[in-house]
Amino acid sequence: MRRFLILMLFIVLVLQGIAGLPPDKDPKLRKSTTLARSVALSMIDDLQGLNASEYWPAIDPELFVRNLRLNVTTPDSIHQGNRTNFCGYAVVTYLYAQMDPVGYVTDMLELYKRGELHLKNQKVAVPPPAIRRAAGTLQNKGVLVSRPADQMWFLTLAAHFRGFINVFNRWFDKGDENRLWAAMEQGKLNRLLQSIFYGDLRSKGKGIIINSNSNMAGSIMQYLNTSSGTVILYADETFRTKGEKKHWVPHHYLVIEDLKLRGDKYQITYWDYGAVKQLALKKKIFERAARGYTTLDLNPMAYNQTDPAQSIGPAR
């Protein structure tokens, strides 16, 4: 049955490539085909009785499989956890589980079973022992506590991708998921996206400096109206939920689903903290909060495989 599903998905992708169509009717080119999700779920079904991992001693296999299934069936529910700096990694996971669920599950299983992750840029992320011991043990993080697969993934990415924002906290210690060790500036986010996805990546903004481009919102609206891609907003603490720790360096990320100007306010529909939300912000507040944005346009042809029996989604 699984081989049949893989073959059918391959045929669909080839036909769409010939027709020049994106791999989904969704105009945002965000959600994968129903068949791709079915194949990913079939892979997860095959994990019944999954053995404990020798690389991740604190991860419960049953909770790991349950976490994978939730992320594939309901990507909106992916959550960075309370009082962590995992928002950027959660954004990438939210997009990955939608755009390429089979690639996502394949990577997660490789990391779980082999203790390493082969990235698109030919580099290999090998989490150090402190990371392998920590995954599955995080506490007081809300829903993230019961999601060991997300803990494993977030911690591995945070340990592998380092930026200037991490220079004063380079090595993981207990509790560093809350500190600058896990934080992410815009350049680091872009490197992570380029290591996961095939497509066109463009970035604008001033980084940690307050945005001096008052037309950033206009640029985002124009992009959303004319492109099938995705907008990731790099913002200050304005969008963080109440009770979250504030930082002197802005490093919060969210996915802009829709942005419209209504009078003197922007009506924003966005994904963050495990849900799609809506917010109205005055123009000046939004312009101050938005430090930059990154757009991601997938290349549909890059996701067509010549050997569907080997993989579906980007070749690694």
Protein backbone atom coordinates (compact mmCIF):
# COMPACT_ATOMS: atom_id res chain seq x y z
CA MET A 1 0.00 0.00 0.00
CA ARG A 2 2.79 2.40 0.90
CA ARG A 3 4.60 1.79 -2.41
CA PHE A 4 1.34 2.43 -4.27
CA LEU A 5 0.86 5.76 -2.46
CA ILE A 6 4.45 6.75 -3.21
CA LEU A 7 4.03 5.89 -6.90
CA MET A 8 0.77 7.85 -7.12
CA LEU A 9 2.35 10.89 -5.48
CA PHE A 10 5.25 10.73 -7.92
CA ILE A 11 2.85 10.71 -10.90
CA VAL A 12 0.90 13.67 -9.48
CA LEU A 13 4.08 15.70 -8.92
CA VAL A 14 5.39 14.98 -12.43
CA LEU A 15 2.09 15.98 -14.04
CA GLN A 16 1.98 19.17 -12.00
CA GLY A 17 5.57 19.94 -12.96
CA ILE A 18 4.74 19.50 -16.65
CA ALA A 19 1.72 21.75 -16.28
CA GLY A 20 3.74 24.35 -14.41
CA LEU A 21 1.33 24.19 -11.46
CA PRO A 22 2.17 24.31 -7.75
CA PRO A 23 1.81 21.03 -5.81
CA ASP A 24 -1.51 22.09 -4.31
CA LYS A 25 -4.63 24.03 -5.19
CA ASP A 26 -3.93 26.33 -2.25
CA PRO A 27 -2.86 29.64 -3.90
CA LYS A 28 -0.34 30.18 -1.10
CA LEU A 29 1.64 27.10 -2.20
CA ARG A 30 1.81 26.24 1.47
CA LYS A 31 -0.12 23.07 2.09
CA SER A 32 1.13 19.89 0.51
CA THR A 33 -1.12 17.59 -1.48
CA THR A 34 -3.52 15.36 0.43
CA LEU A 35 -1.60 12.41 -1.01
CA ALA A 36 1.69 13.68 0.42
CA ARG A 37 0.15 13.95 3.86
CA SER A 38 -1.29 10.46 3.46
CA VAL A 39 2.15 9.07 2.66
CA ALA A 40 3.63 10.85 5.67
CA LEU A 41 0.92 9.44 7.92
CA SER A 42 1.51 5.99 6.45
CA MET A 43 5.17 6.31 7.45
CA ILE A 44 4.06 7.22 10.96
CA ASP A 45 1.65 4.26 11.05
CA ASP A 46 4.64 2.00 10.37
CA LEU A 47 6.22 3.20 13.63
CA GLN A 48 3.95 1.14 15.85
CA GLY A 49 6.15 -0.49 18.49
CA LEU A 50 9.00 1.95 17.81
CA ASN A 51 12.00 1.13 19.97
CA ALA A 52 13.62 3.61 22.30
CA SER A 53 16.43 5.57 20.68
CA GLU A 54 19.99 4.99 21.83
CA TYR A 55 20.70 8.65 21.04
CA TRP A 56 17.80 10.19 22.93
CA PRO A 57 17.53 8.42 26.29
CA ALA A 58 14.79 10.67 27.74
CA ILE A 59 12.40 10.46 24.78
CA ASP A 60 9.36 8.21 25.16
CA PRO A 61 8.82 6.48 21.75
CA GLU A 62 5.04 6.54 22.11
CA LEU A 63 4.98 10.28 22.81
CA PHE A 64 7.44 10.81 19.95
CA VAL A 65 5.12 9.11 17.45
CA ARG A 66 2.08 10.94 18.82
CA ASN A 67 3.92 14.25 18.44
CA LEU A 68 4.86 13.50 14.82
CA ARG A 69 1.28 12.59 13.94
CA LEU A 70 -0.06 15.80 15.49
CA ASN A 71 2.40 17.95 13.56
CA VAL A 72 1.52 16.35 10.22
CA THR A 73 -2.25 16.35 10.73
CA THR A 74 -2.46 19.74 12.47
CA PRO A 75 0.62 21.91 11.73
CA ASP A 76 -1.16 24.94 13.20
CA SER A 77 -0.79 23.35 16.65
CA ILE A 78 3.03 23.40 16.59
CA HIS A 79 4.12 25.45 19.61
CA GLN A 80 7.50 26.81 20.68
CA GLY A 81 6.66 26.32 24.33
CA ASN A 82 6.10 28.80 27.12
CA ARG A 83 9.00 31.07 28.03
CA THR A 84 11.41 29.73 25.42
CA ASN A 85 13.31 31.30 22.56
CA PHE A 86 12.25 28.60 20.10
CA CYS A 87 9.87 30.78 18.05
CA GLY A 88 12.05 30.82 14.93
CA TYR A 89 12.47 27.04 14.97
CA ALA A 90 8.73 26.62 15.49
CA VAL A 91 8.05 28.80 12.42
CA VAL A 92 10.33 26.62 10.28
CA THR A 93 8.68 23.46 11.62
CA TYR A 94 5.19 24.86 11.00
CA LEU A 95 6.10 25.52 7.36
CA TYR A 96 8.03 22.27 6.87
CA ALA A 97 5.21 20.06 8.16
CA GLN A 98 2.81 21.77 5.72
CA MET A 99 4.96 22.09 2.63
CA ASP A 100 6.80 18.79 2.72
CA PRO A 101 5.36 16.42 5.35
CA VAL A 102 7.23 13.41 4.00
CA GLY A 103 10.54 15.25 4.04
CA TYR A 104 9.76 16.42 7.56
CA VAL A 105 8.95 12.92 8.85
CA THR A 106 12.01 11.49 7.07
CA ASP A 107 14.29 14.02 8.77
CA MET A 108 12.71 13.45 12.16
CA LEU A 109 13.16 9.67 11.89
CA GLU A 110 16.76 10.04 10.77
CA LEU A 111 17.47 12.28 13.75
CA TYR A 112 15.71 9.92 16.15
CA LYS A 113 17.21 6.68 14.85
CA ARG A 114 20.69 7.83 13.77
CA GLY A 115 21.32 10.83 15.98
CA GLU A 116 22.11 13.12 13.05
CA LEU A 117 20.37 15.26 10.45
CA HIS A 118 21.49 15.65 6.83
CA LEU A 119 20.58 19.12 5.58
CA LYS A 120 19.95 20.34 2.04
CA ASN A 121 23.23 22.30 2.05
CA GLN A 122 25.11 18.99 2.42
CA LYS A 123 25.99 19.72 6.04
CA VAL A 124 25.20 17.32 8.85
CA ALA A 125 23.78 18.44 12.19
CA VAL A 126 25.06 16.20 14.96
CA PRO A 127 23.65 17.22 18.35
CA PRO A 128 26.18 17.08 21.21
CA PRO A 129 25.61 14.83 24.24
CA ALA A 130 24.12 17.65 26.35
CA ILE A 131 21.41 18.17 23.74
CA ARG A 132 20.64 14.46 23.45
CA ARG A 133 20.26 14.20 27.21
CA ALA A 134 18.05 17.30 27.45
CA ALA A 135 15.46 16.41 24.79
CA GLY A 136 12.41 15.00 26.50
CA THR A 137 13.20 16.58 29.88
CA LEU A 138 12.11 20.20 29.42
CA GLN A 139 9.65 21.27 32.12
CA ASN A 140 7.31 24.21 32.71
CA LYS A 141 7.02 24.83 28.97
CA GLY A 142 3.29 24.29 28.49
CA VAL A 143 2.36 21.86 25.72
CA LEU A 144 6.01 21.46 24.71
CA VAL A 145 6.56 19.31 27.82
CA SER A 146 4.56 16.45 26.28
CA ARG A 147 6.04 16.87 22.78
CA PRO A 148 9.49 15.25 22.83
CA ALA A 149 9.84 15.20 19.04
CA ASP A 150 9.62 19.00 19.00
CA GLN A 151 12.08 19.26 21.88
CA MET A 152 14.55 17.07 19.99
CA TRP A 153 14.12 19.05 16.75
CA PHE A 154 14.25 22.54 18.28
CA LEU A 155 17.29 21.77 20.44
CA THR A 156 19.17 20.17 17.52
CA LEU A 157 18.55 23.13 15.22
CA ALA A 158 19.45 25.63 17.93
CA ALA A 159 22.73 23.82 18.63
CA HIS A 160 23.69 23.58 14.96
CA PHE A 161 22.74 27.04 13.70
CA ARG A 162 24.64 29.74 15.56
CA GLY A 163 24.68 33.50 14.99
CA PHE A 164 26.08 36.69 16.46
CA ILE A 165 23.18 36.79 18.90
CA ASN A 166 24.51 33.59 20.51
CA VAL A 167 28.11 34.73 20.93
CA PHE A 168 27.83 35.19 24.70
CA ASN A 169 26.14 31.83 25.27
CA ARG A 170 27.70 29.30 22.94
CA TRP A 171 27.25 26.00 24.77
CA PHE A 172 24.03 24.49 26.05
CA ASP A 173 23.38 24.29 29.77
CA LYS A 174 20.17 23.41 31.56
CA GLY A 175 17.63 26.19 31.07
CA ASP A 176 19.33 27.68 28.00
CA GLU A 177 16.18 27.17 25.92
CA ASN A 178 14.99 30.32 27.74
CA ARG A 179 18.16 32.33 27.13
CA LEU A 180 20.12 33.84 24.27
CA TRP A 181 21.63 30.42 23.51
CA ALA A 182 18.39 29.59 21.67
CA ALA A 183 17.72 33.06 20.23
CA MET A 184 17.77 33.76 16.52
CA GLU A 185 18.51 36.84 14.45
CA GLN A 186 17.25 37.25 10.89
CA GLY A 187 20.42 36.02 9.18
CA LYS A 188 20.34 32.83 11.23
CA LEU A 189 16.69 32.25 10.30
CA ASN A 190 17.55 32.64 6.62
CA ARG A 191 20.40 30.12 6.82
CA LEU A 192 18.05 27.65 8.48
CA LEU A 193 15.38 28.12 5.80
CA GLN A 194 17.98 27.61 3.05
CA SER A 195 19.03 24.36 4.70
CA ILE A 196 15.48 23.00 4.74
CA PHE A 197 13.73 24.30 1.62
CA TYR A 198 14.37 24.63 -2.12
CA GLY A 199 13.19 27.96 -3.44
CA ASP A 200 13.73 31.70 -3.64
CA LEU A 201 14.52 33.40 -0.34
CA ARG A 202 14.56 37.17 0.04
CA SER A 203 14.99 39.26 3.13
CA LYS A 204 14.49 42.91 4.01
CA GLY A 205 14.85 44.90 7.19
CA LYS A 206 17.24 46.43 9.67
CA GLY A 207 17.63 43.48 12.01
CA ILE A 208 17.88 44.51 15.64
CA ILE A 209 17.74 48.20 14.67
CA ILE A 210 14.35 49.90 14.78
CA ASN A 211 12.86 49.85 11.29
CA SER A 212 13.33 53.12 9.42
CA ASN A 213 11.40 51.91 6.38
CA SER A 214 7.85 53.10 7.02
CA ASN A 215 6.69 51.28 3.88
CA MET A 216 7.59 47.79 5.13
CA ALA A 217 3.90 46.99 5.66
CA GLY A 218 3.13 48.19 2.13
CA SER A 219 5.83 45.91 0.73
CA ILE A 220 4.45 42.95 2.65
CA MET A 221 0.89 43.63 1.47
CA GLN A 222 2.03 43.91 -2.14
CA TYR A 223 3.91 40.61 -1.85
CA LEU A 224 0.93 38.81 -0.32
CA ASN A 225 -1.33 40.11 -3.10
CA THR A 226 0.97 39.14 -5.96
CA SER A 227 2.87 36.06 -4.79
CA SER A 228 2.05 32.51 -3.77
CA GLY A 229 4.87 32.50 -1.22
CA THR A 230 5.18 32.94 2.52
CA VAL A 231 6.07 35.94 4.68
CA ILE A 232 7.93 35.49 7.96
CA LEU A 233 7.95 38.62 10.09
CA TYR A 234 10.92 39.45 12.31
CA ALA A 235 9.55 41.56 15.16
CA ASP A 236 10.17 42.90 18.63
CA GLU A 237 8.28 41.83 21.75
CA THR A 238 4.94 43.29 20.60
CA PHE A 239 3.63 39.95 19.37
CA ARG A 240 4.86 37.80 22.26
CA THR A 241 2.15 36.48 24.55
CA LYS A 242 1.60 38.00 27.97
CA GLY A 243 3.87 36.59 30.63
CA GLU A 244 6.69 35.86 28.19
CA LYS A 245 10.15 37.04 29.17
CA LYS A 246 11.17 40.29 27.51
CA HIS A 247 14.58 40.68 25.89
CA TRP A 248 16.73 43.67 25.04
CA VAL A 249 17.37 42.14 21.60
CA PRO A 250 14.27 41.64 19.39
CA HIS A 251 14.11 38.11 18.05
CA HIS A 252 10.50 37.05 17.68
CA TYR A 253 9.17 35.40 14.51
CA LEU A 254 5.71 34.72 13.15
CA VAL A 255 4.10 33.88 9.81
CA ILE A 256 1.97 36.63 8.26
CA GLU A 257 -1.10 35.07 6.67
CA ASP A 258 -2.84 38.33 5.74
CA LEU A 259 -2.23 42.05 6.24
CA LYS A 260 -4.62 44.87 5.42
CA LEU A 261 -4.84 48.56 6.29
CA ARG A 262 -8.15 49.65 7.79
CA GLY A 263 -8.16 53.33 8.64
CA ASP A 264 -5.19 54.01 10.91
CA LYS A 265 -4.74 50.35 11.87
CA TYR A 266 -3.29 47.25 10.29
CA GLN A 267 -5.48 44.15 10.50
CA ILE A 268 -3.05 41.27 10.84
CA THR A 269 -3.79 37.57 10.50
CA TYR A 270 -0.78 35.55 11.57
CA TRP A 271 0.40 32.21 12.92
CA ASP A 272 2.22 32.13 16.25
CA TYR A 273 2.20 30.11 19.47
CA GLY A 274 0.32 27.15 18.02
CA ALA A 275 -2.60 28.98 16.41
CA VAL A 276 -3.68 31.37 13.68
CA LYS A 277 -4.56 34.69 15.32
CA GLN A 278 -5.82 38.15 14.45
CA LEU A 279 -4.65 41.46 15.77
CA ALA A 280 -5.29 45.13 15.00
CA LEU A 281 -2.30 47.44 15.51
CA LYS A 282 -1.97 51.14 14.91
CA LYS A 283 0.32 51.97 12.03
CA LYS A 284 3.05 53.46 14.21
CA ILE A 285 3.07 50.49 16.57
CA PHE A 286 3.34 47.97 13.73
CA GLU A 287 6.05 49.96 11.98
CA ARG A 288 8.07 50.07 15.17
CA ALA A 289 7.50 46.38 15.96
CA ALA A 290 8.42 45.08 12.49
CA ARG A 291 12.21 44.85 12.25
CA GLY A 292 12.29 42.94 9.00
CA TYR A 293 10.74 40.14 6.98
CA THR A 294 11.75 37.17 4.88
CA THR A 295 9.81 35.82 1.91
CA LEU A 296 10.00 32.20 0.81
CA ASP A 297 8.81 31.05 -2.62
CA LEU A 298 9.13 27.31 -3.09
CA ASN A 299 10.39 25.86 -6.36
CA PRO A 300 7.78 23.16 -7.19
CA MET A 301 10.06 21.41 -9.69
CA ALA A 302 12.71 20.88 -7.01
CA TYR A 303 10.24 18.68 -5.15
CA ASN A 304 9.76 16.22 -8.03
CA GLN A 305 11.73 13.04 -7.41
CA THR A 306 13.33 10.87 -10.06
CA ASP A 307 13.16 7.85 -7.74
CA PRO A 308 9.93 7.95 -5.74
CA ALA A 309 10.78 4.69 -4.01
CA GLN A 310 13.63 6.48 -2.24
CA SER A 311 11.97 9.65 -1.05
CA ILE A 312 9.29 12.23 -1.59
CA GLY A 313 10.05 15.88 -1.12
CA PRO A 314 13.46 17.57 -1.41
CA ALA A 315 16.38 15.31 -2.06
CA ARG A 316 18.89 15.36 0.76
